[in-house]
């Protein structure tokens, strides 16, 4: 029998990653153990990961390096499926290496996966760091 698939929200990851509410972090650890044992299958998506990055930046004020490490830990959590994990992995790599916003990195990874080479944007700062992407600024 296949394990039950359960959506995992942003706050679950944040409690575990930050341990700012220890009793909740302990409860989340139990969930992760069930998933690792194959008793349940956790699943989440790119919007949750984007919210995690934003919260770790804006509220917890973590460095890009620390945020990247936490996102990589999520992507490597046994018993957790992350939709578009390949795009998220590329986005978090570029977030750190190119010093661009996580969402811009995700958009670049998505565009590349779709064979899109041109973007309409007013964000020259970040999009100019994207290799192989032409920028069109509406006038």
Protein backbone atom coordinates (compact mmCIF):
# COMPACT_ATOMS: atom_id res chain seq x y z
CA UNK A 1 0.00 0.00 0.00
CA UNK A 2 1.23 3.48 -0.89
CA UNK A 3 1.78 5.87 2.01
CA UNK A 4 -0.58 8.80 2.41
CA UNK A 5 0.63 11.91 0.57
CA UNK A 6 0.48 15.00 2.80
CA UNK A 7 1.11 18.62 1.82
CA UNK A 8 3.71 20.32 3.98
CA UNK A 9 3.37 24.07 4.52
CA UNK A 10 6.01 26.75 5.02
CA UNK A 11 5.63 27.05 8.78
CA UNK A 12 6.40 23.35 9.27
CA UNK A 13 9.81 23.79 7.65
CA UNK A 14 10.48 27.10 9.40
CA UNK A 15 9.76 25.67 12.86
CA UNK A 16 12.18 22.84 12.19
CA UNK A 17 14.90 24.91 10.51
CA UNK A 18 14.92 27.70 13.08
CA UNK A 19 13.92 25.77 16.22
CA UNK A 20 12.40 29.03 17.47
CA UNK A 21 9.49 27.11 19.00
CA UNK A 22 11.25 23.98 20.31
CA UNK A 23 8.11 21.95 21.04
CA UNK A 24 6.88 22.54 17.48
CA UNK A 25 10.31 21.71 16.06
CA UNK A 26 10.20 18.43 18.01
CA UNK A 27 6.74 17.66 16.62
CA UNK A 28 7.97 18.35 13.08
CA UNK A 29 10.96 16.07 13.64
CA UNK A 30 8.51 13.25 14.41
CA UNK A 31 6.74 13.91 11.10
CA UNK A 32 10.05 13.85 9.23
CA UNK A 33 10.93 10.53 10.89
CA UNK A 34 7.61 9.04 9.72
CA UNK A 35 8.35 10.24 6.19
CA UNK A 36 11.90 8.89 6.26
CA UNK A 37 10.50 5.53 7.38
CA UNK A 38 8.07 5.55 4.44
CA UNK A 39 4.96 5.69 6.62
CA UNK A 40 3.82 8.95 5.01
CA UNK A 41 4.92 10.87 1.92
CA UNK A 42 5.38 14.59 2.40
CA UNK A 43 5.01 16.93 -0.55
CA UNK A 44 5.44 20.64 -1.11
CA UNK A 45 5.93 23.12 -3.93
CA UNK A 46 8.03 26.00 -5.20
CA UNK A 47 5.82 28.68 -3.63
CA UNK A 48 6.48 27.20 -0.19
CA UNK A 49 10.22 27.25 -0.88
CA UNK A 50 10.00 30.86 -2.08
CA UNK A 51 8.19 31.81 1.13
CA UNK A 52 10.84 30.02 3.18
CA UNK A 53 13.64 31.93 1.44
CA UNK A 54 11.82 35.24 1.85
CA UNK A 55 11.11 34.62 5.57
CA UNK A 56 14.65 33.49 6.33
CA UNK A 57 15.95 36.65 4.61
CA UNK A 58 13.52 39.23 5.88
CA UNK A 59 12.52 38.00 9.34
CA UNK A 60 15.42 35.84 10.48
CA UNK A 61 18.07 37.88 8.57
CA UNK A 62 20.10 34.81 7.62
CA UNK A 63 22.93 35.00 5.12
CA UNK A 64 22.49 33.70 1.58
CA UNK A 65 24.89 30.89 2.40
CA UNK A 66 22.81 29.79 5.41
CA UNK A 67 19.58 30.04 3.41
CA UNK A 68 21.05 28.00 0.58
CA UNK A 69 22.13 25.30 3.07
CA UNK A 70 18.63 25.16 4.55
CA UNK A 71 16.96 24.90 1.14
CA UNK A 72 19.37 22.15 0.13
CA UNK A 73 18.53 20.32 3.37
CA UNK A 74 14.84 20.52 2.48
CA UNK A 75 15.47 19.23 -1.04
CA UNK A 76 17.38 16.28 0.45
CA UNK A 77 14.82 15.37 3.11
CA UNK A 78 13.99 11.66 2.89
CA UNK A 79 10.31 11.05 2.27
CA UNK A 80 9.68 14.54 0.88
CA UNK A 81 8.71 15.28 -2.72
CA UNK A 82 9.30 18.86 -3.86
CA UNK A 83 7.56 19.85 -7.09
CA UNK A 84 10.04 21.35 -9.56
CA UNK A 85 12.95 20.43 -7.30
CA UNK A 86 15.35 20.69 -10.24
CA UNK A 87 14.28 24.31 -10.82
CA UNK A 88 14.51 25.09 -7.11
CA UNK A 89 18.00 23.60 -6.93
CA UNK A 90 19.12 25.76 -9.85
CA UNK A 91 17.41 28.85 -8.41
CA UNK A 92 19.01 28.51 -4.97
CA UNK A 93 22.41 27.96 -6.61
CA UNK A 94 22.08 31.14 -8.68
CA UNK A 95 20.64 32.99 -5.65
CA UNK A 96 23.93 32.34 -3.87
CA UNK A 97 26.38 32.47 -6.79
CA UNK A 98 24.92 35.37 -8.81
CA UNK A 99 23.50 37.33 -5.85
CA UNK A 100 20.05 37.51 -7.42
CA UNK A 101 16.64 37.19 -5.82
CA UNK A 102 15.51 33.59 -5.38
CA UNK A 103 12.40 34.23 -7.48
CA UNK A 104 14.47 35.72 -10.30
CA UNK A 105 16.68 32.64 -10.18
CA UNK A 106 13.60 30.43 -10.28
CA UNK A 107 12.23 32.38 -13.24
CA UNK A 108 15.55 32.03 -15.05
CA UNK A 109 15.62 28.27 -14.39
CA UNK A 110 11.99 27.95 -15.54
CA UNK A 111 12.63 30.01 -18.68
CA UNK A 112 15.65 27.87 -19.53
CA UNK A 113 13.65 24.67 -19.00
CA UNK A 114 11.01 26.03 -21.41
CA UNK A 115 13.53 27.15 -24.04
CA UNK A 116 12.63 30.82 -23.50
CA UNK A 117 15.53 33.15 -24.19
CA UNK A 118 13.91 36.60 -23.95
CA UNK A 119 12.17 38.38 -21.08
CA UNK A 120 10.14 41.54 -20.81
CA UNK A 121 11.22 43.17 -17.54
CA UNK A 122 12.18 46.47 -15.95
CA UNK A 123 14.54 44.56 -13.60
CA UNK A 124 17.82 45.08 -15.42
CA UNK A 125 19.87 44.61 -12.25
CA UNK A 126 19.04 40.94 -11.72
CA UNK A 127 18.09 39.85 -15.21
CA UNK A 128 21.39 41.16 -16.59
CA UNK A 129 23.13 38.52 -14.45
CA UNK A 130 21.24 35.76 -16.26
CA UNK A 131 23.33 34.10 -18.93
CA UNK A 132 21.66 33.42 -22.26
CA UNK A 133 18.62 35.58 -21.46
CA UNK A 134 17.96 38.73 -23.50
CA UNK A 135 16.16 41.57 -21.76
CA UNK A 136 13.47 43.63 -23.46
CA UNK A 137 12.49 46.77 -21.59
CA UNK A 138 9.06 48.03 -22.62
CA UNK A 139 9.12 51.63 -23.84
